[in-house]
């Protein structure tokens, strides 16, 4: 489970680079990914708003297996610098 959370965190930090800080990542493990299976980390922006003059971006994130089943789902928030 923790490895899949780390995969999602890495995907997000690669996407936002140094332009933002990842402030929250919550995940739920829905099913097992077996050794050797292909996993794809994906995400979509769900909301952009401003708090304390900083842009906050909320996302839905997930991991899909090779059958397209979402084995891990979560949410993430990052704050633009």
PDB file of N, CA and C in Angstrom:
ATOM      1  N   UNK A   1       0.789  -1.201   0.000  1.00  0.00           N
ATOM      2  CA  UNK A   1       0.000   0.000   0.000  1.00  0.00           C
ATOM      3  C   UNK A   1       0.830   1.263   0.000  1.00  0.00           C
ATOM      4  N   UNK A   2       1.830   1.325   0.869  1.00  0.00           N
ATOM      5  CA  UNK A   2       2.635   2.548   0.963  1.00  0.00           C
ATOM      6  C   UNK A   2       3.393   2.823  -0.329  1.00  0.00           C
ATOM      7  N   UNK A   3       3.787   1.770  -1.044  1.00  0.00           N
ATOM      8  CA  UNK A   3       4.497   1.965  -2.304  1.00  0.00           C
ATOM      9  C   UNK A   3       3.592   2.640  -3.332  1.00  0.00           C
ATOM     10  N   UNK A   4       2.320   2.234  -3.379  1.00  0.00           N
ATOM     11  CA  UNK A   4       1.394   2.860  -4.330  1.00  0.00           C
ATOM     12  C   UNK A   4       1.150   4.320  -3.963  1.00  0.00           C
ATOM     13  N   UNK A   5       1.092   4.619  -2.692  1.00  0.00           N
ATOM     14  CA  UNK A   5       0.970   6.010  -2.252  1.00  0.00           C
ATOM     15  C   UNK A   5       2.193   6.809  -2.688  1.00  0.00           C
ATOM     16  N   UNK A   6       3.368   6.204  -2.564  1.00  0.00           N
ATOM     17  CA  UNK A   6       4.604   6.871  -2.995  1.00  0.00           C
ATOM     18  C   UNK A   6       4.607   7.098  -4.502  1.00  0.00           C
ATOM     19  N   UNK A   7       4.095   6.131  -5.272  1.00  0.00           N
ATOM     20  CA  UNK A   7       4.005   6.311  -6.724  1.00  0.00           C
ATOM     21  C   UNK A   7       3.139   7.524  -7.070  1.00  0.00           C
ATOM     22  N   UNK A   8       1.993   7.656  -6.407  1.00  0.00           N
ATOM     23  CA  UNK A   8       1.111   8.796  -6.671  1.00  0.00           C
ATOM     24  C   UNK A   8       1.768  10.105  -6.251  1.00  0.00           C
ATOM     25  N   UNK A   9       2.438  10.108  -5.116  1.00  0.00           N
ATOM     26  CA  UNK A   9       3.151  11.307  -4.676  1.00  0.00           C
ATOM     27  C   UNK A   9       4.234  11.710  -5.654  1.00  0.00           C
ATOM     28  N   UNK A  10       4.964  10.735  -6.186  1.00  0.00           N
ATOM     29  CA  UNK A  10       6.010  11.026  -7.166  1.00  0.00           C
ATOM     30  C   UNK A  10       5.413  11.578  -8.451  1.00  0.00           C
ATOM     31  N   UNK A  11       4.287  11.000  -8.908  1.00  0.00           N
ATOM     32  CA  UNK A  11       3.628  11.513 -10.108  1.00  0.00           C
ATOM     33  C   UNK A  11       3.260  12.981  -9.919  1.00  0.00           C
ATOM     34  N   UNK A  12       2.688  13.307  -8.765  1.00  0.00           N
ATOM     35  CA  UNK A  12       2.258  14.682  -8.506  1.00  0.00           C
ATOM     36  C   UNK A  12       3.437  15.637  -8.414  1.00  0.00           C
ATOM     37  N   UNK A  13       4.487  15.254  -7.703  1.00  0.00           N
ATOM     38  CA  UNK A  13       5.628  16.165  -7.573  1.00  0.00           C
ATOM     39  C   UNK A  13       6.366  16.327  -8.895  1.00  0.00           C
ATOM     40  N   UNK A  14       6.370  15.300  -9.738  1.00  0.00           N
ATOM     41  CA  UNK A  14       6.946  15.460 -11.077  1.00  0.00           C
ATOM     42  C   UNK A  14       6.113  16.435 -11.903  1.00  0.00           C
ATOM     43  N   UNK A  15       4.792  16.365 -11.760  1.00  0.00           N
ATOM     44  CA  UNK A  15       3.891  17.232 -12.519  1.00  0.00           C
ATOM     45  C   UNK A  15       4.018  18.687 -12.084  1.00  0.00           C
ATOM     46  N   UNK A  16       4.050  18.938 -10.778  1.00  0.00           N
ATOM     47  CA  UNK A  16       4.053  20.319 -10.300  1.00  0.00           C
ATOM     48  C   UNK A  16       5.446  20.919 -10.249  1.00  0.00           C
ATOM     49  N   UNK A  17       6.483  20.063 -10.327  1.00  0.00           N
ATOM     50  CA  UNK A  17       7.871  20.521 -10.338  1.00  0.00           C
ATOM     51  C   UNK A  17       8.126  21.393  -9.113  1.00  0.00           C
ATOM     52  N   UNK A  18       8.769  22.527  -9.287  1.00  0.00           N
ATOM     53  CA  UNK A  18       9.053  23.427  -8.166  1.00  0.00           C
ATOM     54  C   UNK A  18       8.074  24.590  -8.098  1.00  0.00           C
ATOM     55  N   UNK A  19       7.036  24.547  -8.925  1.00  0.00           N
ATOM     56  CA  UNK A  19       6.085  25.656  -8.975  1.00  0.00           C
ATOM     57  C   UNK A  19       5.024  25.579  -7.880  1.00  0.00           C
ATOM     58  N   UNK A  20       5.010  24.478  -7.124  1.00  0.00           N
ATOM     59  CA  UNK A  20       3.989  24.307  -6.085  1.00  0.00           C
ATOM     60  C   UNK A  20       4.490  23.334  -5.026  1.00  0.00           C
ATOM     61  N   UNK A  21       3.767  23.296  -3.913  1.00  0.00           N
ATOM     62  CA  UNK A  21       4.055  22.351  -2.835  1.00  0.00           C
ATOM     63  C   UNK A  21       2.872  21.415  -2.656  1.00  0.00           C
ATOM     64  N   UNK A  22       3.146  20.129  -2.624  1.00  0.00           N
ATOM     65  CA  UNK A  22       2.115  19.146  -2.325  1.00  0.00           C
ATOM     66  C   UNK A  22       1.808  19.238  -0.838  1.00  0.00           C
ATOM     67  N   UNK A  23       0.570  19.577  -0.497  1.00  0.00           N
ATOM     68  CA  UNK A  23       0.220  19.786   0.908  1.00  0.00           C
ATOM     69  C   UNK A  23      -0.618  18.660   1.503  1.00  0.00           C
ATOM     70  N   UNK A  24      -1.232  17.830   0.637  1.00  0.00           N
ATOM     71  CA  UNK A  24      -2.080  16.750   1.159  1.00  0.00           C
ATOM     72  C   UNK A  24      -2.199  15.655   0.115  1.00  0.00           C
ATOM     73  N   UNK A  25      -2.085  14.427   0.554  1.00  0.00           N
ATOM     74  CA  UNK A  25      -2.309  13.264  -0.301  1.00  0.00           C
ATOM     75  C   UNK A  25      -2.992  12.199   0.548  1.00  0.00           C
ATOM     76  N   UNK A  26      -4.225  11.894   0.198  1.00  0.00           N
ATOM     77  CA  UNK A  26      -5.001  10.863   0.894  1.00  0.00           C
ATOM     78  C   UNK A  26      -5.348   9.771  -0.108  1.00  0.00           C
ATOM     79  N   UNK A  27      -5.087   8.518   0.242  1.00  0.00           N
ATOM     80  CA  UNK A  27      -5.370   7.422  -0.688  1.00  0.00           C
ATOM     81  C   UNK A  27      -6.126   6.302   0.012  1.00  0.00           C
ATOM     82  N   UNK A  28      -6.833   5.538  -0.798  1.00  0.00           N
ATOM     83  CA  UNK A  28      -7.560   4.353  -0.328  1.00  0.00           C
ATOM     84  C   UNK A  28      -7.190   3.204  -1.256  1.00  0.00           C
ATOM     85  N   UNK A  29      -6.774   2.110  -0.669  1.00  0.00           N
ATOM     86  CA  UNK A  29      -6.365   0.939  -1.440  1.00  0.00           C
ATOM     87  C   UNK A  29      -7.581   0.044  -1.643  1.00  0.00           C
ATOM     88  N   UNK A  30      -7.983  -0.113  -2.904  1.00  0.00           N
ATOM     89  CA  UNK A  30      -9.210  -0.843  -3.219  1.00  0.00           C
ATOM     90  C   UNK A  30      -8.983  -2.312  -3.533  1.00  0.00           C
ATOM     91  N   UNK A  31      -7.837  -2.633  -4.117  1.00  0.00           N
ATOM     92  CA  UNK A  31      -7.544  -4.032  -4.437  1.00  0.00           C
ATOM     93  C   UNK A  31      -6.038  -4.209  -4.612  1.00  0.00           C
ATOM     94  N   UNK A  32      -5.640  -5.455  -4.668  1.00  0.00           N
ATOM     95  CA  UNK A  32      -4.222  -5.808  -4.723  1.00  0.00           C
ATOM     96  C   UNK A  32      -3.700  -5.697  -6.155  1.00  0.00           C
ATOM     97  N   UNK A  33      -2.480  -5.201  -6.283  1.00  0.00           N
ATOM     98  CA  UNK A  33      -1.741  -5.265  -7.547  1.00  0.00           C
ATOM     99  C   UNK A  33      -0.681  -6.340  -7.373  1.00  0.00           C
ATOM    100  N   UNK A  34      -0.696  -7.327  -8.249  1.00  0.00           N
ATOM    101  CA  UNK A  34       0.213  -8.454  -8.118  1.00  0.00           C
ATOM    102  C   UNK A  34       1.556  -8.160  -8.779  1.00  0.00           C
ATOM    103  N   UNK A  35       2.574  -8.864  -8.335  1.00  0.00           N
ATOM    104  CA  UNK A  35       3.919  -8.689  -8.874  1.00  0.00           C
ATOM    105  C   UNK A  35       3.904  -8.851 -10.389  1.00  0.00           C
ATOM    106  N   UNK A  36       4.561  -7.922 -11.063  1.00  0.00           N
ATOM    107  CA  UNK A  36       4.663  -7.972 -12.515  1.00  0.00           C
ATOM    108  C   UNK A  36       3.532  -7.284 -13.256  1.00  0.00           C
ATOM    109  N   UNK A  37       2.489  -6.846 -12.550  1.00  0.00           N
ATOM    110  CA  UNK A  37       1.387  -6.175 -13.245  1.00  0.00           C
ATOM    111  C   UNK A  37       1.800  -4.742 -13.597  1.00  0.00           C
ATOM    112  N   UNK A  38       1.212  -4.244 -14.657  1.00  0.00           N
ATOM    113  CA  UNK A  38       1.476  -2.872 -15.094  1.00  0.00           C
ATOM    114  C   UNK A  38       0.523  -1.946 -14.352  1.00  0.00           C
ATOM    115  N   UNK A  39       1.084  -0.907 -13.737  1.00  0.00           N
ATOM    116  CA  UNK A  39       0.273   0.083 -13.031  1.00  0.00           C
ATOM    117  C   UNK A  39       0.491   1.442 -13.684  1.00  0.00           C
ATOM    118  N   UNK A  40      -0.592   2.184 -13.860  1.00  0.00           N
ATOM    119  CA  UNK A  40      -0.512   3.537 -14.412  1.00  0.00           C
ATOM    120  C   UNK A  40      -1.080   4.516 -13.402  1.00  0.00           C
ATOM    121  N   UNK A  41      -0.282   5.523 -13.054  1.00  0.00           N
ATOM    122  CA  UNK A  41      -0.741   6.590 -12.163  1.00  0.00           C
ATOM    123  C   UNK A  41      -1.401   7.662 -13.009  1.00  0.00           C
ATOM    124  N   UNK A  42      -2.587   8.087 -12.593  1.00  0.00           N
ATOM    125  CA  UNK A  42      -3.334   9.092 -13.340  1.00  0.00           C
ATOM    126  C   UNK A  42      -3.965  10.083 -12.380  1.00  0.00           C
ATOM    127  N   UNK A  43      -4.388  11.215 -12.923  1.00  0.00           N
ATOM    128  CA  UNK A  43      -5.047  12.205 -12.088  1.00  0.00           C
ATOM    129  C   UNK A  43      -5.747  13.257 -12.917  1.00  0.00           C
ATOM    130  N   UNK A  44      -6.618  13.992 -12.248  1.00  0.00           N
ATOM    131  CA  UNK A  44      -7.325  15.082 -12.894  1.00  0.00           C
ATOM    132  C   UNK A  44      -7.532  16.202 -11.881  1.00  0.00           C
ATOM    133  N   UNK A  45      -7.472  17.433 -12.357  1.00  0.00           N
ATOM    134  CA  UNK A  45      -7.716  18.589 -11.493  1.00  0.00           C
ATOM    135  C   UNK A  45      -9.219  18.733 -11.302  1.00  0.00           C
ATOM    136  N   UNK A  46      -9.655  18.839 -10.051  1.00  0.00           N
ATOM    137  CA  UNK A  46     -11.084  18.940  -9.753  1.00  0.00           C
ATOM    138  C   UNK A  46     -11.511  20.332  -9.306  1.00  0.00           C
ATOM    139  N   UNK A  47     -10.565  21.135  -8.798  1.00  0.00           N
ATOM    140  CA  UNK A  47     -10.930  22.461  -8.300  1.00  0.00           C
ATOM    141  C   UNK A  47      -9.686  23.336  -8.210  1.00  0.00           C
ATOM    142  N   UNK A  48      -9.861  24.608  -8.533  1.00  0.00           N
ATOM    143  CA  UNK A  48      -8.816  25.618  -8.350  1.00  0.00           C
ATOM    144  C   UNK A  48      -9.454  26.778  -7.609  1.00  0.00           C
ATOM    145  N   UNK A  49      -8.872  27.164  -6.479  1.00  0.00           N
ATOM    146  CA  UNK A  49      -9.412  28.277  -5.707  1.00  0.00           C
ATOM    147  C   UNK A  49      -8.261  29.034  -5.055  1.00  0.00           C
ATOM    148  N   UNK A  50      -8.567  30.173  -4.463  1.00  0.00           N
ATOM    149  CA  UNK A  50      -7.553  31.016  -3.835  1.00  0.00           C
ATOM    150  C   UNK A  50      -7.821  31.119  -2.341  1.00  0.00           C
ATOM    151  N   UNK A  51      -6.757  30.926  -1.551  1.00  0.00           N
ATOM    152  CA  UNK A  51      -6.805  31.080  -0.103  1.00  0.00           C
ATOM    153  C   UNK A  51      -5.559  31.840   0.329  1.00  0.00           C
ATOM    154  N   UNK A  52      -5.739  32.891   1.112  1.00  0.00           N
ATOM    155  CA  UNK A  52      -4.601  33.703   1.560  1.00  0.00           C
ATOM    156  C   UNK A  52      -3.727  34.133   0.385  1.00  0.00           C
ATOM    157  N   UNK A  53      -4.354  34.544  -0.687  1.00  0.00           N
ATOM    158  CA  UNK A  53      -3.720  35.011  -1.923  1.00  0.00           C
ATOM    159  C   UNK A  53      -2.821  33.963  -2.582  1.00  0.00           C
ATOM    160  N   UNK A  54      -3.028  32.692  -2.270  1.00  0.00           N
ATOM    161  CA  UNK A  54      -2.309  31.593  -2.930  1.00  0.00           C
ATOM    162  C   UNK A  54      -3.317  30.716  -3.655  1.00  0.00           C
ATOM    163  N   UNK A  55      -2.956  30.278  -4.861  1.00  0.00           N
ATOM    164  CA  UNK A  55      -3.830  29.358  -5.588  1.00  0.00           C
ATOM    165  C   UNK A  55      -3.678  27.957  -5.018  1.00  0.00           C
ATOM    166  N   UNK A  56      -4.821  27.333  -4.762  1.00  0.00           N
ATOM    167  CA  UNK A  56      -4.882  25.971  -4.249  1.00  0.00           C
ATOM    168  C   UNK A  56      -5.512  25.100  -5.333  1.00  0.00           C
ATOM    169  N   UNK A  57      -4.886  23.971  -5.617  1.00  0.00           N
ATOM    170  CA  UNK A  57      -5.382  23.069  -6.651  1.00  0.00           C
ATOM    171  C   UNK A  57      -5.691  21.718  -6.017  1.00  0.00           C
ATOM    172  N   UNK A  58      -6.918  21.258  -6.209  1.00  0.00           N
ATOM    173  CA  UNK A  58      -7.356  19.954  -5.710  1.00  0.00           C
ATOM    174  C   UNK A  58      -7.423  18.979  -6.883  1.00  0.00           C
ATOM    175  N   UNK A  59      -7.040  17.750  -6.620  1.00  0.00           N
ATOM    176  CA  UNK A  59      -7.004  16.729  -7.667  1.00  0.00           C
ATOM    177  C   UNK A  59      -7.593  15.419  -7.170  1.00  0.00           C
ATOM    178  N   UNK A  60      -8.130  14.656  -8.094  1.00  0.00           N
ATOM    179  CA  UNK A  60      -8.413  13.245  -7.866  1.00  0.00           C
ATOM    180  C   UNK A  60      -7.262  12.480  -8.502  1.00  0.00           C
ATOM    181  N   UNK A  61      -6.748  11.480  -7.813  1.00  0.00           N
ATOM    182  CA  UNK A  61      -5.648  10.668  -8.330  1.00  0.00           C
ATOM    183  C   UNK A  61      -6.012   9.199  -8.175  1.00  0.00           C
ATOM    184  N   UNK A  62      -5.403   8.352  -9.013  1.00  0.00           N
ATOM    185  CA  UNK A  62      -5.676   6.926  -8.920  1.00  0.00           C
ATOM    186  C   UNK A  62      -4.590   6.141  -9.634  1.00  0.00           C
ATOM    187  N   UNK A  63      -4.582   4.850  -9.344  1.00  0.00           N
ATOM    188  CA  UNK A  63      -3.715   3.906 -10.044  1.00  0.00           C
ATOM    189  C   UNK A  63      -4.608   2.883 -10.714  1.00  0.00           C
ATOM    190  N   UNK A  64      -4.355   2.666 -12.013  1.00  0.00           N
ATOM    191  CA  UNK A  64      -5.089   1.665 -12.789  1.00  0.00           C
ATOM    192  C   UNK A  64      -4.174   0.492 -13.086  1.00  0.00           C
ATOM    193  N   UNK A  65      -4.742  -0.708 -13.075  1.00  0.00           N
ATOM    194  CA  UNK A  65      -3.968  -1.864 -13.521  1.00  0.00           C
ATOM    195  C   UNK A  65      -4.150  -2.033 -15.033  1.00  0.00           C
ATOM    196  N   UNK A  66      -3.553  -3.069 -15.594  1.00  0.00           N
ATOM    197  CA  UNK A  66      -3.596  -3.259 -17.047  1.00  0.00           C
ATOM    198  C   UNK A  66      -4.999  -3.560 -17.570  1.00  0.00           C
ATOM    199  N   UNK A  67      -5.927  -3.914 -16.685  1.00  0.00           N
ATOM    200  CA  UNK A  67      -7.323  -4.135 -17.081  1.00  0.00           C
ATOM    201  C   UNK A  67      -8.161  -2.862 -16.976  1.00  0.00           C
ATOM    202  N   UNK A  68      -7.533  -1.747 -16.581  1.00  0.00           N
ATOM    203  CA  UNK A  68      -8.244  -0.483 -16.442  1.00  0.00           C
ATOM    204  C   UNK A  68      -8.990  -0.342 -15.125  1.00  0.00           C
ATOM    205  N   UNK A  69      -8.757  -1.254 -14.189  1.00  0.00           N
ATOM    206  CA  UNK A  69      -9.414  -1.202 -12.883  1.00  0.00           C
ATOM    207  C   UNK A  69      -8.630  -0.276 -11.968  1.00  0.00           C
ATOM    208  N   UNK A  70      -9.339   0.639 -11.310  1.00  0.00           N
ATOM    209  CA  UNK A  70      -8.698   1.567 -10.374  1.00  0.00           C
ATOM    210  C   UNK A  70      -8.458   0.835  -9.057  1.00  0.00           C
ATOM    211  N   UNK A  71      -7.214   0.438  -8.823  1.00  0.00           N
ATOM    212  CA  UNK A  71      -6.884  -0.331  -7.624  1.00  0.00           C
ATOM    213  C   UNK A  71      -6.576   0.561  -6.427  1.00  0.00           C
ATOM    214  N   UNK A  72      -6.274   1.811  -6.677  1.00  0.00           N
ATOM    215  CA  UNK A  72      -6.019   2.785  -5.613  1.00  0.00           C
ATOM    216  C   UNK A  72      -6.631   4.107  -6.045  1.00  0.00           C
ATOM    217  N   UNK A  73      -7.381   4.750  -5.149  1.00  0.00           N
ATOM    218  CA  UNK A  73      -7.997   6.045  -5.436  1.00  0.00           C
ATOM    219  C   UNK A  73      -7.621   7.019  -4.332  1.00  0.00           C
ATOM    220  N   UNK A  74      -7.554   8.298  -4.691  1.00  0.00           N
ATOM    221  CA  UNK A  74      -7.233   9.278  -3.665  1.00  0.00           C
ATOM    222  C   UNK A  74      -7.499  10.699  -4.104  1.00  0.00           C
ATOM    223  N   UNK A  75      -7.142  11.609  -3.210  1.00  0.00           N
ATOM    224  CA  UNK A  75      -7.240  13.038  -3.488  1.00  0.00           C
ATOM    225  C   UNK A  75      -5.925  13.690  -3.084  1.00  0.00           C
ATOM    226  N   UNK A  76      -5.628  14.786  -3.740  1.00  0.00           N
ATOM    227  CA  UNK A  76      -4.399  15.520  -3.443  1.00  0.00           C
ATOM    228  C   UNK A  76      -4.678  17.007  -3.540  1.00  0.00           C
ATOM    229  N   UNK A  77      -3.898  17.775  -2.798  1.00  0.00           N
ATOM    230  CA  UNK A  77      -3.990  19.231  -2.827  1.00  0.00           C
ATOM    231  C   UNK A  77      -2.584  19.792  -2.897  1.00  0.00           C
ATOM    232  N   UNK A  78      -2.392  20.789  -3.760  1.00  0.00           N
ATOM    233  CA  UNK A  78      -1.125  21.495  -3.738  1.00  0.00           C
ATOM    234  C   UNK A  78      -1.340  22.983  -3.853  1.00  0.00           C
ATOM    235  N   UNK A  79      -0.376  23.723  -3.331  1.00  0.00           N
ATOM    236  CA  UNK A  79      -0.438  25.179  -3.274  1.00  0.00           C
ATOM    237  C   UNK A  79       0.633  25.747  -4.192  1.00  0.00           C
ATOM    238  N   UNK A  80       0.212  26.622  -5.119  1.00  0.00           N
ATOM    239  CA  UNK A  80       1.169  27.249  -6.031  1.00  0.00           C
ATOM    240  C   UNK A  80       2.047  28.239  -5.285  1.00  0.00           C
ATOM    241  N   UNK A  81       3.324  28.258  -5.639  1.00  0.00           N
ATOM    242  CA  UNK A  81       4.273  29.202  -5.026  1.00  0.00           C
ATOM    243  C   UNK A  81       4.137  30.587  -5.620  1.00  0.00           C
TER     244      UNK A  81
END
